[in-house]
Amino acid sequence: MKRMMSSVVLVVLAAGSAFAQRKATIENVHDIPFSPVPNLLKLPPGEYLGEAVAVATNSKGHIFVYHRSANTRLFEFDQAGNFLKEIGSGYYGFEFAHSVRVDKDDNIWTVDEGTNMVTKFSPDGKVLMVLGRRPPAVLGVQAAPPGPNLPSQKYIFCRPTDVGWDPQGNIFVSDGYCNNRVVKYDKNGRFLAQAGSEKAGKALGEFNLPHGLQVDGQGNVWVADRTNSRYQVLDNNLKPIREITNLGVGWTMCISQGPHQYAFFSNSNPNGNMPGTWDITGEIYKAELDGTVIGKFGHPGKLAPGFQVVHMLDCRNPNEVIVGEIESWRVQKLIFQPTTAKAGSAQ
């Protein structure tokens, strides 16, 4: 049974990494210099990080790392990287981590691709809200539904990827690998609207693997539409505003805290680092919300400060970022050095 499950997982992972990588077409972008923070996280003796697929910070600067190890786990560190505690040990909603975010009240939200659940934890780790449902054990382990995708439902996800909130507290979920949609709920978890469907599409307002999501201070929803190699911006009612197609593959993104906000876009090198991808991927772009690209930073590399598949980044402070990497099982913090150069627009 274990061998069969391993084969299924390997096939799914291979399929997920097989989509074409795309070089960013924006030109003459200034390189933003940065200084890495060495040995950021201090783990207890005998503890290790798995795939660091998700990172976030709270208002105190505490760092949350949601990672795939022998079991999916959520660790909290203080602002200096000292280990504080584990949240949700043995929790039923943890199976295959994908995203962690922290809201304005310092509640911690996890998005689990394996259980199809989005969970809201209080700052001290108490479960406050659950969206979605874990597939019943009687159905067996399924990485994805067999056959065509089922019609999307209001409160059931299929391999969701990210979560965000507008200033009113409405909740937005990118529901991700199967359903190809973005869903809006009110602050109490009641369904309001969706864009996209279980059928992948290329038109504005349609998606093919929405892999990351953020909401800006105006309530606009930014989506990393990965397999379409673009980012989309939607209004608060999930109506499309524009797309950005010149920054490579839409792997993940981050929007900094206000009052002046910046957007960060990751053209990550892919799982497996296929031949040729090191030359055309790996950089992260920093931009104004109007599309003006300020600069870029980072490159693929198995040794820090190179990037080995940046799956998610935190940019609460726009002058520094924390990145979570899959294949090197690490978290890095990069502090930007002053720069005033600007380049073209994200289009």
C-alpha atoms as a PDB file:
ATOM      1  CA  MET A   1       0.000   0.000   0.000  1.00  0.00           C
ATOM      2  CA  LYS A   2       2.824   2.385   0.865  1.00  0.00           C
ATOM      3  CA  ARG A   3       4.494   1.661  -2.477  1.00  0.00           C
ATOM      4  CA  MET A   4       1.282   2.418  -4.372  1.00  0.00           C
ATOM      5  CA  MET A   5       0.782   5.711  -2.499  1.00  0.00           C
ATOM      6  CA  SER A   6       4.404   6.708  -3.132  1.00  0.00           C
ATOM      7  CA  SER A   7       3.942   6.069  -6.841  1.00  0.00           C
ATOM      8  CA  VAL A   8       0.843   8.251  -6.921  1.00  0.00           C
ATOM      9  CA  VAL A   9       2.671  11.060  -5.150  1.00  0.00           C
ATOM     10  CA  LEU A  10       5.639  10.817  -7.521  1.00  0.00           C
ATOM     11  CA  VAL A  11       3.396  10.962 -10.570  1.00  0.00           C
ATOM     12  CA  VAL A  12       1.554  13.991  -9.209  1.00  0.00           C
ATOM     13  CA  LEU A  13       4.773  15.805  -8.347  1.00  0.00           C
ATOM     14  CA  ALA A  14       6.227  15.074 -11.761  1.00  0.00           C
ATOM     15  CA  ALA A  15       3.100  16.354 -13.459  1.00  0.00           C
ATOM     16  CA  GLY A  16       3.116  19.480 -11.301  1.00  0.00           C
ATOM     17  CA  SER A  17       6.690  20.324 -12.283  1.00  0.00           C
ATOM     18  CA  ALA A  18       6.327  19.609 -16.006  1.00  0.00           C
ATOM     19  CA  PHE A  19       4.715  22.867 -17.100  1.00  0.00           C
ATOM     20  CA  ALA A  20       6.859  25.137 -19.215  1.00  0.00           C
ATOM     21  CA  GLN A  21       8.971  27.784 -17.554  1.00  0.00           C
ATOM     22  CA  ARG A  22       8.964  31.251 -19.042  1.00  0.00           C
ATOM     23  CA  LYS A  23      11.647  33.899 -19.029  1.00  0.00           C
ATOM     24  CA  ALA A  24      10.485  37.338 -17.954  1.00  0.00           C
ATOM     25  CA  THR A  25      10.288  39.668 -20.948  1.00  0.00           C
ATOM     26  CA  ILE A  26      10.636  42.924 -19.034  1.00  0.00           C
ATOM     27  CA  GLU A  27      14.000  44.522 -19.839  1.00  0.00           C
ATOM     28  CA  ASN A  28      16.578  46.801 -18.210  1.00  0.00           C
ATOM     29  CA  VAL A  29      15.483  46.050 -14.663  1.00  0.00           C
ATOM     30  CA  HIS A  30      17.825  47.290 -11.968  1.00  0.00           C
ATOM     31  CA  ASP A  31      19.315  44.707  -9.582  1.00  0.00           C
ATOM     32  CA  ILE A  32      18.453  45.517  -5.971  1.00  0.00           C
ATOM     33  CA  PRO A  33      21.467  44.839  -3.729  1.00  0.00           C
ATOM     34  CA  PHE A  34      20.800  43.013  -0.500  1.00  0.00           C
ATOM     35  CA  SER A  35      22.533  41.552   2.524  1.00  0.00           C
ATOM     36  CA  PRO A  36      21.526  38.060   3.680  1.00  0.00           C
ATOM     37  CA  VAL A  37      21.035  37.305   7.363  1.00  0.00           C
ATOM     38  CA  PRO A  38      23.091  34.184   8.121  1.00  0.00           C
ATOM     39  CA  ASN A  39      21.667  31.359  10.228  1.00  0.00           C
ATOM     40  CA  LEU A  40      18.289  33.024  10.611  1.00  0.00           C
ATOM     41  CA  LEU A  41      16.372  30.220  12.336  1.00  0.00           C
ATOM     42  CA  LYS A  42      17.616  28.473  15.466  1.00  0.00           C
ATOM     43  CA  LEU A  43      15.908  25.095  15.766  1.00  0.00           C
ATOM     44  CA  PRO A  44      15.897  23.033  18.964  1.00  0.00           C
ATOM     45  CA  PRO A  45      18.372  20.140  19.089  1.00  0.00           C
ATOM     46  CA  GLY A  46      17.134  17.226  17.025  1.00  0.00           C
ATOM     47  CA  GLU A  47      14.587  19.281  15.057  1.00  0.00           C
ATOM     48  CA  TYR A  48      14.825  19.949  11.336  1.00  0.00           C
ATOM     49  CA  LEU A  49      12.885  21.861   8.741  1.00  0.00           C
ATOM     50  CA  GLY A  50      11.272  19.980   5.901  1.00  0.00           C
ATOM     51  CA  GLU A  51      10.206  21.666   2.686  1.00  0.00           C
ATOM     52  CA  ALA A  52       9.763  25.284   3.812  1.00  0.00           C
ATOM     53  CA  VAL A  53       6.817  25.938   1.510  1.00  0.00           C
ATOM     54  CA  ALA A  54       5.317  28.840   3.486  1.00  0.00           C
ATOM     55  CA  VAL A  55       6.533  31.721   5.649  1.00  0.00           C
ATOM     56  CA  ALA A  56       4.818  34.670   7.322  1.00  0.00           C
ATOM     57  CA  THR A  57       5.430  37.234  10.057  1.00  0.00           C
ATOM     58  CA  ASN A  58       3.161  38.898  12.609  1.00  0.00           C
ATOM     59  CA  SER A  59       3.155  42.440  14.002  1.00  0.00           C
ATOM     60  CA  LYS A  60       5.863  41.501  16.533  1.00  0.00           C
ATOM     61  CA  GLY A  61       8.164  40.228  13.823  1.00  0.00           C
ATOM     62  CA  HIS A  62       7.662  36.609  14.823  1.00  0.00           C
ATOM     63  CA  ILE A  63       8.311  34.210  11.942  1.00  0.00           C
ATOM     64  CA  PHE A  64       5.959  31.349  11.098  1.00  0.00           C
ATOM     65  CA  VAL A  65       7.184  28.467   8.954  1.00  0.00           C
ATOM     66  CA  TYR A  66       4.675  25.952   7.612  1.00  0.00           C
ATOM     67  CA  HIS A  67       6.687  23.017   6.310  1.00  0.00           C
ATOM     68  CA  ARG A  68       6.386  19.521   4.933  1.00  0.00           C
ATOM     69  CA  SER A  69       8.375  17.049   6.971  1.00  0.00           C
ATOM     70  CA  ALA A  70       7.552  13.479   8.030  1.00  0.00           C
ATOM     71  CA  ASN A  71       4.387  15.271   9.106  1.00  0.00           C
ATOM     72  CA  THR A  72       3.244  18.741   8.084  1.00  0.00           C
ATOM     73  CA  ARG A  73       4.203  21.117  10.902  1.00  0.00           C
ATOM     74  CA  LEU A  74       3.843  24.812  11.817  1.00  0.00           C
ATOM     75  CA  PHE A  75       6.701  26.403  13.791  1.00  0.00           C
ATOM     76  CA  GLU A  76       6.843  29.864  15.383  1.00  0.00           C
ATOM     77  CA  PHE A  77      10.127  31.740  15.922  1.00  0.00           C
ATOM     78  CA  ASP A  78      10.745  35.142  17.508  1.00  0.00           C
ATOM     79  CA  GLN A  79      12.082  38.102  15.517  1.00  0.00           C
ATOM     80  CA  ALA A  80      15.668  36.956  16.144  1.00  0.00           C
ATOM     81  CA  GLY A  81      14.915  33.465  14.841  1.00  0.00           C
ATOM     82  CA  ASN A  82      14.767  31.710  18.214  1.00  0.00           C
ATOM     83  CA  PHE A  83      12.308  28.810  18.316  1.00  0.00           C
ATOM     84  CA  LEU A  84       9.207  29.572  20.389  1.00  0.00           C
ATOM     85  CA  LYS A  85       6.707  26.766  19.834  1.00  0.00           C
ATOM     86  CA  GLU A  86       4.953  24.408  17.475  1.00  0.00           C
ATOM     87  CA  ILE A  87       1.330  25.180  16.598  1.00  0.00           C
ATOM     88  CA  GLY A  88      -1.189  22.473  15.741  1.00  0.00           C
ATOM     89  CA  SER A  89       0.869  19.371  16.487  1.00  0.00           C
ATOM     90  CA  GLY A  90      -1.261  16.400  15.406  1.00  0.00           C
ATOM     91  CA  TYR A  91      -3.975  18.682  13.991  1.00  0.00           C
ATOM     92  CA  TYR A  92      -6.456  16.935  11.669  1.00  0.00           C
ATOM     93  CA  GLY A  93      -6.236  19.786   9.176  1.00  0.00           C
ATOM     94  CA  PHE A  94      -2.511  19.262   8.509  1.00  0.00           C
ATOM     95  CA  GLU A  95      -1.380  16.874   5.782  1.00  0.00           C
ATOM     96  CA  PHE A  96       0.442  18.687   2.936  1.00  0.00           C
ATOM     97  CA  ALA A  97       1.308  22.312   3.705  1.00  0.00           C
ATOM     98  CA  HIS A  98       0.958  25.012   1.064  1.00  0.00           C
ATOM     99  CA  SER A  99       0.534  28.495   2.589  1.00  0.00           C
ATOM    100  CA  VAL A 100       0.614  30.381   5.879  1.00  0.00           C
ATOM    101  CA  ARG A 101      -0.518  34.004   6.285  1.00  0.00           C
ATOM    102  CA  VAL A 102      -1.060  36.300   9.277  1.00  0.00           C
ATOM    103  CA  ASP A 103      -3.960  38.761   9.339  1.00  0.00           C
ATOM    104  CA  LYS A 104      -4.123  42.272  10.849  1.00  0.00           C
ATOM    105  CA  ASP A 105      -5.102  40.847  14.245  1.00  0.00           C
ATOM    106  CA  ASP A 106      -2.152  38.441  14.264  1.00  0.00           C
ATOM    107  CA  ASN A 107      -4.334  35.401  13.673  1.00  0.00           C
ATOM    108  CA  ILE A 108      -2.453  32.685  11.798  1.00  0.00           C
ATOM    109  CA  TRP A 109      -4.074  31.072   8.756  1.00  0.00           C
ATOM    110  CA  THR A 110      -2.883  27.854   7.146  1.00  0.00           C
ATOM    111  CA  VAL A 111      -3.850  26.520   3.725  1.00  0.00           C
ATOM    112  CA  ASP A 112      -3.371  22.775   3.450  1.00  0.00           C
ATOM    113  CA  GLU A 113      -3.378  21.280  -0.025  1.00  0.00           C
ATOM    114  CA  GLY A 114      -3.622  17.726   1.309  1.00  0.00           C
ATOM    115  CA  THR A 115      -6.681  18.132   3.544  1.00  0.00           C
ATOM    116  CA  ASN A 116      -8.401  20.793   1.403  1.00  0.00           C
ATOM    117  CA  MET A 117      -8.739  22.948   4.520  1.00  0.00           C
ATOM    118  CA  VAL A 118      -8.088  26.567   5.436  1.00  0.00           C
ATOM    119  CA  THR A 119      -7.697  27.037   9.197  1.00  0.00           C
ATOM    120  CA  LYS A 120      -7.692  30.224  11.262  1.00  0.00           C
ATOM    121  CA  PHE A 121      -5.651  29.985  14.486  1.00  0.00           C
ATOM    122  CA  SER A 122      -5.610  32.592  17.239  1.00  0.00           C
ATOM    123  CA  PRO A 123      -2.188  34.075  18.108  1.00  0.00           C
ATOM    124  CA  ASP A 124      -1.888  31.485  20.893  1.00  0.00           C
ATOM    125  CA  GLY A 125      -2.760  28.589  18.583  1.00  0.00           C
ATOM    126  CA  LYS A 126      -6.465  27.999  19.231  1.00  0.00           C
ATOM    127  CA  VAL A 127      -8.555  26.961  16.212  1.00  0.00           C
ATOM    128  CA  LEU A 128     -11.054  29.750  15.479  1.00  0.00           C
ATOM    129  CA  MET A 129     -12.434  28.896  12.024  1.00  0.00           C
ATOM    130  CA  VAL A 130     -12.236  26.110   9.469  1.00  0.00           C
ATOM    131  CA  LEU A 131     -13.086  26.457   5.774  1.00  0.00           C
ATOM    132  CA  GLY A 132     -13.309  23.343   3.625  1.00  0.00           C
ATOM    133  CA  ARG A 133     -13.344  19.720   4.662  1.00  0.00           C
ATOM    134  CA  ARG A 134     -10.783  16.943   4.782  1.00  0.00           C
ATOM    135  CA  PRO A 135     -11.779  14.034   2.519  1.00  0.00           C
ATOM    136  CA  PRO A 136     -13.189  11.228   4.690  1.00  0.00           C
ATOM    137  CA  ALA A 137     -10.686   8.466   5.425  1.00  0.00           C
ATOM    138  CA  VAL A 138     -13.082   5.872   4.056  1.00  0.00           C
ATOM    139  CA  LEU A 139     -12.410   7.245   0.554  1.00  0.00           C
ATOM    140  CA  GLY A 140      -8.711   6.456   0.842  1.00  0.00           C
ATOM    141  CA  VAL A 141      -5.780   8.725   0.018  1.00  0.00           C
ATOM    142  CA  GLN A 142      -6.253  10.741  -3.177  1.00  0.00           C
ATOM    143  CA  ALA A 143      -3.811  13.382  -4.356  1.00  0.00           C
ATOM    144  CA  ALA A 144      -6.460  14.639  -6.768  1.00  0.00           C
ATOM    145  CA  PRO A 145      -9.920  13.419  -7.812  1.00  0.00           C
ATOM    146  CA  PRO A 146      -9.775  10.666 -10.441  1.00  0.00           C
ATOM    147  CA  GLY A 147     -11.159  11.645 -13.816  1.00  0.00           C
ATOM    148  CA  PRO A 148     -12.445  15.121 -14.723  1.00  0.00           C
ATOM    149  CA  ASN A 149     -12.722  17.748 -12.010  1.00  0.00           C
ATOM    150  CA  LEU A 150     -16.066  17.764 -10.255  1.00  0.00           C
ATOM    151  CA  PRO A 151     -18.185  20.944 -10.362  1.00  0.00           C
ATOM    152  CA  SER A 152     -16.825  23.392  -7.807  1.00  0.00           C
ATOM    153  CA  GLN A 153     -18.792  23.807  -4.596  1.00  0.00           C
ATOM    154  CA  LYS A 154     -19.183  26.752  -2.243  1.00  0.00           C
ATOM    155  CA  TYR A 155     -17.550  25.215   0.806  1.00  0.00           C
ATOM    156  CA  ILE A 156     -15.451  22.345  -0.557  1.00  0.00           C
ATOM    157  CA  PHE A 157     -11.944  22.995  -1.897  1.00  0.00           C
ATOM    158  CA  CYS A 158      -9.733  20.930  -4.184  1.00  0.00           C
ATOM    159  CA  ARG A 159      -6.049  21.442  -3.387  1.00  0.00           C
ATOM    160  CA  PRO A 160      -6.292  25.114  -2.303  1.00  0.00           C
ATOM    161  CA  THR A 161      -3.159  27.248  -2.359  1.00  0.00           C
ATOM    162  CA  ASP A 162      -3.463  30.612  -0.552  1.00  0.00           C
ATOM    163  CA  VAL A 163      -5.621  32.989   1.495  1.00  0.00           C
ATOM    164  CA  GLY A 164      -5.970  36.765   1.957  1.00  0.00           C
ATOM    165  CA  TRP A 165      -8.321  39.423   3.384  1.00  0.00           C
ATOM    166  CA  ASP A 166      -9.584  42.842   2.401  1.00  0.00           C
ATOM    167  CA  PRO A 167      -9.806  45.790   4.839  1.00  0.00           C
ATOM    168  CA  GLN A 168     -13.388  44.772   5.735  1.00  0.00           C
ATOM    169  CA  GLY A 169     -12.268  41.293   6.791  1.00  0.00           C
ATOM    170  CA  ASN A 170     -13.705  39.407   3.816  1.00  0.00           C
ATOM    171  CA  ILE A 171     -11.756  36.218   3.107  1.00  0.00           C
ATOM    172  CA  PHE A 172     -10.347  35.253  -0.306  1.00  0.00           C
ATOM    173  CA  VAL A 173      -9.065  31.757  -1.142  1.00  0.00           C
ATOM    174  CA  SER A 174      -7.232  30.597  -4.265  1.00  0.00           C
ATOM    175  CA  ASP A 175      -8.555  27.117  -4.911  1.00  0.00           C
ATOM    176  CA  GLY A 176      -5.976  26.055  -6.803  1.00  0.00           C
ATOM    177  CA  TYR A 177      -4.818  22.834  -8.427  1.00  0.00           C
ATOM    178  CA  CYS A 178      -8.222  21.351  -9.343  1.00  0.00           C
ATOM    179  CA  ASN A 179     -10.852  24.069  -9.163  1.00  0.00           C
ATOM    180  CA  ASN A 180      -8.924  26.894 -10.887  1.00  0.00           C
ATOM    181  CA  ARG A 181     -10.875  29.582  -9.075  1.00  0.00           C
ATOM    182  CA  VAL A 182     -10.768  32.340  -6.460  1.00  0.00           C
ATOM    183  CA  VAL A 183     -13.509  32.314  -3.820  1.00  0.00           C
ATOM    184  CA  LYS A 184     -14.745  35.199  -1.644  1.00  0.00           C
ATOM    185  CA  TYR A 185     -16.300  34.702   1.802  1.00  0.00           C
ATOM    186  CA  ASP A 186     -17.445  37.216   4.372  1.00  0.00           C
ATOM    187  CA  LYS A 187     -15.590  37.526   7.673  1.00  0.00           C
ATOM    188  CA  ASN A 188     -17.768  34.786   9.168  1.00  0.00           C
ATOM    189  CA  GLY A 189     -16.986  32.336   6.371  1.00  0.00           C
ATOM    190  CA  ARG A 190     -20.189  32.717   4.352  1.00  0.00           C
ATOM    191  CA  PHE A 191     -19.803  32.260   0.590  1.00  0.00           C
ATOM    192  CA  LEU A 192     -20.186  35.469  -1.439  1.00  0.00           C
ATOM    193  CA  ALA A 193     -18.718  34.989  -4.923  1.00  0.00           C
ATOM    194  CA  GLN A 194     -16.191  33.199  -7.073  1.00  0.00           C
ATOM    195  CA  ALA A 195     -14.168  33.800 -10.240  1.00  0.00           C
ATOM    196  CA  GLY A 196     -13.063  30.914 -12.415  1.00  0.00           C
ATOM    197  CA  SER A 197     -14.310  27.337 -12.175  1.00  0.00           C
ATOM    198  CA  GLU A 198     -13.189  23.725 -12.164  1.00  0.00           C
ATOM    199  CA  LYS A 199     -12.329  24.191 -15.849  1.00  0.00           C
ATOM    200  CA  ALA A 200      -8.994  25.859 -16.523  1.00  0.00           C
ATOM    201  CA  GLY A 201      -9.122  28.927 -18.781  1.00  0.00           C
ATOM    202  CA  LYS A 202      -6.953  31.669 -20.272  1.00  0.00           C
ATOM    203  CA  ALA A 203      -9.399  34.589 -20.510  1.00  0.00           C
ATOM    204  CA  LEU A 204      -9.318  37.392 -17.953  1.00  0.00           C
ATOM    205  CA  GLY A 205     -11.084  36.198 -14.836  1.00  0.00           C
ATOM    206  CA  GLU A 206     -10.208  32.575 -15.632  1.00  0.00           C
ATOM    207  CA  PHE A 207      -7.277  30.645 -14.168  1.00  0.00           C
ATOM    208  CA  ASN A 208      -5.032  27.678 -14.729  1.00  0.00           C
ATOM    209  CA  LEU A 209      -3.611  26.868 -11.301  1.00  0.00           C
ATOM    210  CA  PRO A 210      -4.015  30.004  -9.171  1.00  0.00           C
ATOM    211  CA  HIS A 211      -0.970  29.349  -7.002  1.00  0.00           C
ATOM    212  CA  GLY A 212      -0.783  32.473  -4.823  1.00  0.00           C
ATOM    213  CA  LEU A 213      -3.046  35.317  -3.705  1.00  0.00           C
ATOM    214  CA  GLN A 214      -2.843  38.668  -1.937  1.00  0.00           C
ATOM    215  CA  VAL A 215      -5.268  41.567  -1.339  1.00  0.00           C
ATOM    216  CA  ASP A 216      -4.114  45.185  -1.362  1.00  0.00           C
ATOM    217  CA  GLY A 217      -5.313  48.089   0.769  1.00  0.00           C
ATOM    218  CA  GLN A 218      -7.933  49.053  -1.821  1.00  0.00           C
ATOM    219  CA  GLY A 219      -9.470  45.586  -1.667  1.00  0.00           C
ATOM    220  CA  ASN A 220      -8.153  44.483  -5.067  1.00  0.00           C
ATOM    221  CA  VAL A 221      -7.214  40.816  -5.336  1.00  0.00           C
ATOM    222  CA  TRP A 222      -3.870  39.836  -6.909  1.00  0.00           C
ATOM    223  CA  VAL A 223      -3.536  36.261  -8.138  1.00  0.00           C
ATOM    224  CA  ALA A 224      -0.450  34.328  -9.272  1.00  0.00           C
ATOM    225  CA  ASP A 225      -1.961  32.425 -12.211  1.00  0.00           C
ATOM    226  CA  ARG A 226       0.916  29.993 -12.509  1.00  0.00           C
ATOM    227  CA  THR A 227       0.271  27.726 -15.486  1.00  0.00           C
ATOM    228  CA  ASN A 228      -0.940  30.738 -17.499  1.00  0.00           C
ATOM    229  CA  SER A 229       2.425  32.411 -16.712  1.00  0.00           C
ATOM    230  CA  ARG A 230       0.838  35.638 -15.516  1.00  0.00           C
ATOM    231  CA  TYR A 231      -0.592  37.572 -12.601  1.00  0.00           C
ATOM    232  CA  GLN A 232      -4.158  38.843 -12.581  1.00  0.00           C
ATOM    233  CA  VAL A 233      -5.620  41.767 -10.650  1.00  0.00           C
ATOM    234  CA  LEU A 234      -9.323  41.524  -9.760  1.00  0.00           C
ATOM    235  CA  ASP A 235     -11.577  44.039  -8.065  1.00  0.00           C
ATOM    236  CA  ASN A 236     -13.212  43.302  -4.738  1.00  0.00           C
ATOM    237  CA  ASN A 237     -16.134  41.579  -6.441  1.00  0.00           C
ATOM    238  CA  LEU A 238     -13.687  39.348  -8.366  1.00  0.00           C
ATOM    239  CA  LYS A 239     -14.158  41.118 -11.686  1.00  0.00           C
ATOM    240  CA  PRO A 240     -10.923  41.273 -13.719  1.00  0.00           C
ATOM    241  CA  ILE A 241      -9.044  44.565 -13.949  1.00  0.00           C
ATOM    242  CA  ARG A 242      -5.825  43.648 -15.754  1.00  0.00           C
ATOM    243  CA  GLU A 243      -3.161  41.015 -16.239  1.00  0.00           C
ATOM    244  CA  ILE A 244       0.631  41.113 -15.921  1.00  0.00           C
ATOM    245  CA  THR A 245       2.399  38.875 -18.425  1.00  0.00           C
ATOM    246  CA  ASN A 246       6.015  40.061 -18.598  1.00  0.00           C
ATOM    247  CA  LEU A 247       7.365  38.811 -15.239  1.00  0.00           C
ATOM    248  CA  GLY A 248       7.742  35.127 -16.079  1.00  0.00           C
ATOM    249  CA  VAL A 249       5.771  32.373 -14.393  1.00  0.00           C
ATOM    250  CA  GLY A 250       3.299  33.552 -11.744  1.00  0.00           C
ATOM    251  CA  TRP A 251       4.635  31.409  -8.931  1.00  0.00           C
ATOM    252  CA  THR A 252       3.748  33.435  -5.847  1.00  0.00           C
ATOM    253  CA  MET A 253       3.481  37.044  -4.735  1.00  0.00           C
ATOM    254  CA  CYS A 254       3.417  39.274  -1.674  1.00  0.00           C
ATOM    255  CA  ILE A 255       2.066  42.764  -0.940  1.00  0.00           C
ATOM    256  CA  SER A 256       3.706  44.767   1.835  1.00  0.00           C
ATOM    257  CA  GLN A 257       1.962  46.570   4.669  1.00  0.00           C
ATOM    258  CA  GLY A 258       0.747  50.134   4.143  1.00  0.00           C
ATOM    259  CA  PRO A 259       0.310  52.963   4.010  1.00  0.00           C
ATOM    260  CA  HIS A 260       2.580  52.767   0.928  1.00  0.00           C
ATOM    261  CA  GLN A 261       2.400  49.253  -0.447  1.00  0.00           C
ATOM    262  CA  TYR A 262       4.695  47.360  -2.794  1.00  0.00           C
ATOM    263  CA  ALA A 263       4.157  44.121  -4.687  1.00  0.00           C
ATOM    264  CA  PHE A 264       6.717  41.333  -4.981  1.00  0.00           C
ATOM    265  CA  PHE A 265       6.507  38.712  -7.759  1.00  0.00           C
ATOM    266  CA  SER A 266       8.467  35.447  -7.844  1.00  0.00           C
ATOM    267  CA  ASN A 267       9.577  33.901 -11.124  1.00  0.00           C
ATOM    268  CA  SER A 268      10.801  30.877  -9.206  1.00  0.00           C
ATOM    269  CA  ASN A 269      13.065  28.230 -10.572  1.00  0.00           C
ATOM    270  CA  PRO A 270      10.873  25.124 -10.736  1.00  0.00           C
ATOM    271  CA  ASN A 271      10.804  21.872  -8.783  1.00  0.00           C
ATOM    272  CA  GLY A 272      13.588  19.662 -10.050  1.00  0.00           C
ATOM    273  CA  ASN A 273      15.558  22.543 -11.617  1.00  0.00           C
ATOM    274  CA  MET A 274      15.080  21.134 -15.112  1.00  0.00           C
ATOM    275  CA  PRO A 275      17.836  21.760 -17.707  1.00  0.00           C
ATOM    276  CA  GLY A 276      17.959  25.371 -18.829  1.00  0.00           C
ATOM    277  CA  THR A 277      15.706  26.752 -16.103  1.00  0.00           C
ATOM    278  CA  TRP A 278      18.582  28.164 -14.056  1.00  0.00           C
ATOM    279  CA  ASP A 279      19.286  30.607 -16.875  1.00  0.00           C
ATOM    280  CA  ILE A 280      15.760  32.020 -17.159  1.00  0.00           C
ATOM    281  CA  THR A 281      14.185  31.816 -13.689  1.00  0.00           C
ATOM    282  CA  GLY A 282      14.809  32.412 -10.014  1.00  0.00           C
ATOM    283  CA  GLU A 283      14.505  36.183  -9.663  1.00  0.00           C
ATOM    284  CA  ILE A 284      11.973  38.179  -7.609  1.00  0.00           C
ATOM    285  CA  TYR A 285      10.619  41.558  -8.779  1.00  0.00           C
ATOM    286  CA  LYS A 286       9.633  44.513  -6.588  1.00  0.00           C
ATOM    287  CA  ALA A 287       7.042  46.923  -7.978  1.00  0.00           C
ATOM    288  CA  GLU A 288       4.680  49.736  -7.151  1.00  0.00           C
ATOM    289  CA  LEU A 289       1.003  48.802  -7.215  1.00  0.00           C
ATOM    290  CA  ASP A 290       0.601  50.899 -10.365  1.00  0.00           C
ATOM    291  CA  GLY A 291       2.906  48.491 -12.186  1.00  0.00           C
ATOM    292  CA  THR A 292       6.190  50.405 -12.025  1.00  0.00           C
ATOM    293  CA  VAL A 293       8.926  47.829 -11.461  1.00  0.00           C
ATOM    294  CA  ILE A 294      11.544  49.148  -9.052  1.00  0.00           C
ATOM    295  CA  GLY A 295      14.018  46.317  -9.439  1.00  0.00           C
ATOM    296  CA  LYS A 296      14.747  42.620  -9.049  1.00  0.00           C
ATOM    297  CA  PHE A 297      16.896  40.427  -6.863  1.00  0.00           C
ATOM    298  CA  GLY A 298      17.957  36.833  -6.427  1.00  0.00           C
ATOM    299  CA  HIS A 299      19.074  33.965  -8.658  1.00  0.00           C
ATOM    300  CA  PRO A 300      18.902  30.162  -8.573  1.00  0.00           C
ATOM    301  CA  GLY A 301      21.457  28.414  -6.408  1.00  0.00           C
ATOM    302  CA  LYS A 302      21.736  25.476  -4.097  1.00  0.00           C
ATOM    303  CA  LEU A 303      23.914  27.482  -1.715  1.00  0.00           C
ATOM    304  CA  ALA A 304      22.571  30.537   0.111  1.00  0.00           C
ATOM    305  CA  PRO A 305      21.951  33.309  -0.809  1.00  0.00           C
ATOM    306  CA  GLY A 306      20.878  31.600  -4.014  1.00  0.00           C
ATOM    307  CA  PHE A 307      17.251  30.469  -4.250  1.00  0.00           C
ATOM    308  CA  GLN A 308      16.221  26.841  -4.528  1.00  0.00           C
ATOM    309  CA  VAL A 309      12.536  27.035  -5.483  1.00  0.00           C
ATOM    310  CA  VAL A 310      11.005  30.050  -3.678  1.00  0.00           C
ATOM    311  CA  HIS A 311       7.502  28.815  -2.948  1.00  0.00           C
ATOM    312  CA  MET A 312       6.419  31.749  -0.783  1.00  0.00           C
ATOM    313  CA  LEU A 313       7.755  35.014   0.615  1.00  0.00           C
ATOM    314  CA  ASP A 314       6.892  37.466   3.369  1.00  0.00           C
ATOM    315  CA  CYS A 315       7.272  41.197   2.734  1.00  0.00           C
ATOM    316  CA  ARG A 316       5.580  42.828   5.731  1.00  0.00           C
ATOM    317  CA  ASN A 317       8.560  45.179   5.802  1.00  0.00           C
ATOM    318  CA  PRO A 318       9.126  46.245   2.146  1.00  0.00           C
ATOM    319  CA  ASN A 319      12.822  46.786   2.829  1.00  0.00           C
ATOM    320  CA  GLU A 320      13.401  43.135   3.625  1.00  0.00           C
ATOM    321  CA  VAL A 321      11.925  39.811   2.617  1.00  0.00           C
ATOM    322  CA  ILE A 322      11.819  36.339   4.103  1.00  0.00           C
ATOM    323  CA  VAL A 323      11.683  33.513   1.569  1.00  0.00           C
ATOM    324  CA  GLY A 324      10.680  29.890   2.040  1.00  0.00           C
ATOM    325  CA  GLU A 325      12.320  27.345  -0.231  1.00  0.00           C
ATOM    326  CA  ILE A 326      11.216  23.834  -1.100  1.00  0.00           C
ATOM    327  CA  GLU A 327      14.228  21.913  -2.285  1.00  0.00           C
ATOM    328  CA  SER A 328      16.904  23.259   0.047  1.00  0.00           C
ATOM    329  CA  TRP A 329      14.579  23.047   3.069  1.00  0.00           C
ATOM    330  CA  ARG A 330      15.507  26.481   4.326  1.00  0.00           C
ATOM    331  CA  VAL A 331      14.288  29.985   5.130  1.00  0.00           C
ATOM    332  CA  GLN A 332      16.320  33.062   4.240  1.00  0.00           C
ATOM    333  CA  LYS A 333      16.013  36.707   5.223  1.00  0.00           C
ATOM    334  CA  LEU A 334      17.305  39.364   2.823  1.00  0.00           C
ATOM    335  CA  ILE A 335      17.729  43.028   3.777  1.00  0.00           C
ATOM    336  CA  PHE A 336      17.742  45.493   0.876  1.00  0.00           C
ATOM    337  CA  GLN A 337      20.390  48.143   0.532  1.00  0.00           C
ATOM    338  CA  PRO A 338      19.209  51.646  -0.447  1.00  0.00           C
ATOM    339  CA  THR A 339      18.405  52.153  -4.133  1.00  0.00           C
ATOM    340  CA  THR A 340      16.401  54.676  -6.122  1.00  0.00           C
ATOM    341  CA  ALA A 341      16.593  53.185  -9.619  1.00  0.00           C
ATOM    342  CA  LYS A 342      13.400  52.248 -11.464  1.00  0.00           C
ATOM    343  CA  ALA A 343      12.613  50.366 -14.640  1.00  0.00           C
ATOM    344  CA  GLY A 344       9.664  49.655 -16.914  1.00  0.00           C
ATOM    345  CA  SER A 345       6.139  48.648 -16.097  1.00  0.00           C
ATOM    346  CA  ALA A 346       4.687  45.248 -15.325  1.00  0.00           C
ATOM    347  CA  GLN A 347       2.400  44.484 -18.251  1.00  0.00           C
END
